[in-house]
Amino acid sequence: VQLQASGGGLVQAGGSLRLSCAASGRTFSLYVMGWLRQTPGKEREFVAVVSSSGNLIRYGESVKGRFAISRDNANNTVYLRMNSLKPEDTAVYYCAALPSWGDIDDPREYIYWGQGTQVTVSS
């Protein structure tokens, strides 16, 4: 599975962005899909995850109530809608694929990664 993330940019605090992650390959619908983020000098942080069918969703504590993950298996795409953005949300955001619903918040469990898209939130 090859993943291509897009949609990042510069936004003011309180604003919104929607990230997209397009996947190649006919097996996209078999994978659990997640979004993780990273800032310089820090480890990658779990943001959100959606099960292969879309019926299970989990969020990291710092984004609960503000971010929404969704997926469109017909179009091999996963999305991350980010509302009420804060400066501390500034990071490179990665989409990634997990073979099964297990340690969903552990970046080491993800086996395919997109290239990342930069999100910068100004105060």
Protein backbone atom coordinates (compact mmCIF):
# COMPACT_ATOMS: atom_id res chain seq x y z
CA VAL A 1 0.00 0.00 0.00
CA GLN A 2 1.35 3.40 -0.96
CA LEU A 3 -0.01 6.44 0.86
CA GLN A 4 -0.03 10.08 -0.20
CA ALA A 5 -1.07 12.70 2.36
CA SER A 6 -2.19 16.20 1.42
CA GLY A 7 -4.13 19.16 2.72
CA GLY A 8 -1.71 20.66 5.20
CA GLY A 9 -0.97 24.35 5.37
CA LEU A 10 -0.87 27.46 7.50
CA VAL A 11 -3.97 28.36 9.49
CA GLN A 12 -4.77 30.71 12.35
CA ALA A 13 -5.67 29.38 15.77
CA GLY A 14 -9.34 28.44 15.87
CA GLY A 15 -9.38 27.58 12.19
CA SER A 16 -9.95 24.32 10.39
CA LEU A 17 -8.20 22.08 7.92
CA ARG A 18 -9.02 18.78 6.27
CA LEU A 19 -6.23 16.36 5.52
CA SER A 20 -6.60 13.65 2.92
CA CYS A 21 -4.65 10.47 2.41
CA ALA A 22 -4.97 8.68 -0.90
CA ALA A 23 -3.94 5.05 -1.02
CA SER A 24 -2.93 2.92 -3.95
CA GLY A 25 -3.70 -0.76 -4.21
CA ARG A 26 -6.83 -2.84 -4.03
CA THR A 27 -6.30 -3.88 -0.41
CA PHE A 28 -6.89 -0.47 1.20
CA SER A 29 -10.19 -1.58 2.70
CA LEU A 30 -8.44 -4.36 4.65
CA TYR A 31 -6.25 -1.98 6.66
CA VAL A 32 -6.84 -0.02 9.80
CA MET A 33 -5.89 3.56 8.97
CA GLY A 34 -4.46 6.13 11.30
CA TRP A 35 -3.15 9.64 11.52
CA LEU A 36 -0.10 10.41 13.60
CA ARG A 37 1.93 13.57 13.98
CA GLN A 38 5.45 14.60 14.84
CA THR A 39 7.22 17.76 15.89
CA PRO A 40 11.00 18.22 15.80
CA GLY A 41 12.76 16.46 18.63
CA LYS A 42 9.70 14.50 19.69
CA GLU A 43 8.42 11.03 19.00
CA ARG A 44 5.49 10.47 16.70
CA GLU A 45 2.18 10.95 18.47
CA PHE A 46 -1.03 9.04 17.86
CA VAL A 47 -3.85 11.31 16.65
CA ALA A 48 -6.71 9.18 15.36
CA VAL A 49 -7.50 5.78 13.91
CA VAL A 50 -10.38 4.16 12.04
CA SER A 51 -11.01 0.48 11.56
CA SER A 52 -11.07 -1.15 8.14
CA SER A 53 -14.86 -0.99 7.94
CA GLY A 54 -15.10 2.41 9.59
CA ASN A 55 -17.17 1.28 12.54
CA LEU A 56 -14.44 1.73 15.17
CA ILE A 57 -12.75 5.05 15.79
CA ARG A 58 -10.35 6.25 18.48
CA TYR A 59 -8.70 9.61 19.15
CA GLY A 60 -5.73 10.80 21.06
CA GLU A 61 -6.63 12.71 24.21
CA SER A 62 -5.29 16.02 22.92
CA VAL A 63 -7.58 16.05 19.87
CA LYS A 64 -10.81 14.54 21.21
CA GLY A 65 -13.81 16.67 20.37
CA ARG A 66 -11.91 18.71 17.79
CA PHE A 67 -10.73 16.23 15.15
CA ALA A 68 -12.72 13.71 13.13
CA ILE A 69 -11.36 10.81 11.13
CA SER A 70 -13.28 9.14 8.33
CA ARG A 71 -12.61 6.88 5.39
CA ASP A 72 -14.02 6.22 1.94
CA ASN A 73 -13.13 2.69 0.92
CA ALA A 74 -14.66 3.11 -2.52
CA ASN A 75 -12.13 5.83 -3.26
CA ASN A 76 -9.22 4.50 -1.17
CA THR A 77 -9.04 7.65 0.92
CA VAL A 78 -8.91 8.49 4.60
CA TYR A 79 -9.56 11.97 5.95
CA LEU A 80 -8.81 13.96 9.06
CA ARG A 81 -11.02 16.95 9.72
CA MET A 82 -9.34 19.28 12.20
CA ASN A 83 -11.39 21.98 13.89
CA SER A 84 -10.57 24.52 16.60
CA LEU A 85 -6.91 24.23 15.79
CA LYS A 86 -4.35 25.30 18.38
CA PRO A 87 -0.70 26.29 17.99
CA GLU A 88 0.24 23.06 19.74
CA ASP A 89 -1.32 21.13 16.86
CA THR A 90 1.53 22.34 14.67
CA ALA A 91 3.32 19.24 13.35
CA VAL A 92 3.96 17.07 10.36
CA TYR A 93 0.94 14.81 10.00
CA TYR A 94 1.32 11.30 8.66
CA CYS A 95 -1.25 8.82 7.52
CA ALA A 96 -0.34 5.22 8.16
CA ALA A 97 -1.75 1.73 7.80
CA LEU A 98 -2.09 -0.94 10.45
CA PRO A 99 -2.77 -4.59 9.55
CA SER A 100 -5.26 -5.14 12.37
CA TRP A 101 -6.96 -3.44 15.31
CA GLY A 102 -4.38 -3.95 18.04
CA ASP A 103 -1.99 -1.45 19.60
CA ILE A 104 -3.54 1.34 17.61
CA ASP A 105 -1.80 4.14 19.49
CA ASP A 106 1.72 2.71 19.09
CA PRO A 107 3.46 4.22 16.04
CA ARG A 108 5.73 1.17 15.88
CA GLU A 109 2.79 -1.03 14.90
CA TYR A 110 2.04 0.85 11.70
CA ILE A 111 3.60 -0.78 8.66
CA TYR A 112 2.92 1.64 5.81
CA TRP A 113 3.47 5.38 6.01
CA GLY A 114 2.73 8.35 3.81
CA GLN A 115 5.24 11.12 3.31
CA GLY A 116 3.68 13.59 5.75
CA THR A 117 2.03 16.95 5.33
CA GLN A 118 2.95 20.03 7.37
CA VAL A 119 0.29 21.74 9.47
CA THR A 120 1.21 25.07 11.03
CA VAL A 121 -1.17 26.87 13.38
CA SER A 122 -0.34 30.48 14.15
CA SER A 123 -1.40 32.17 17.35
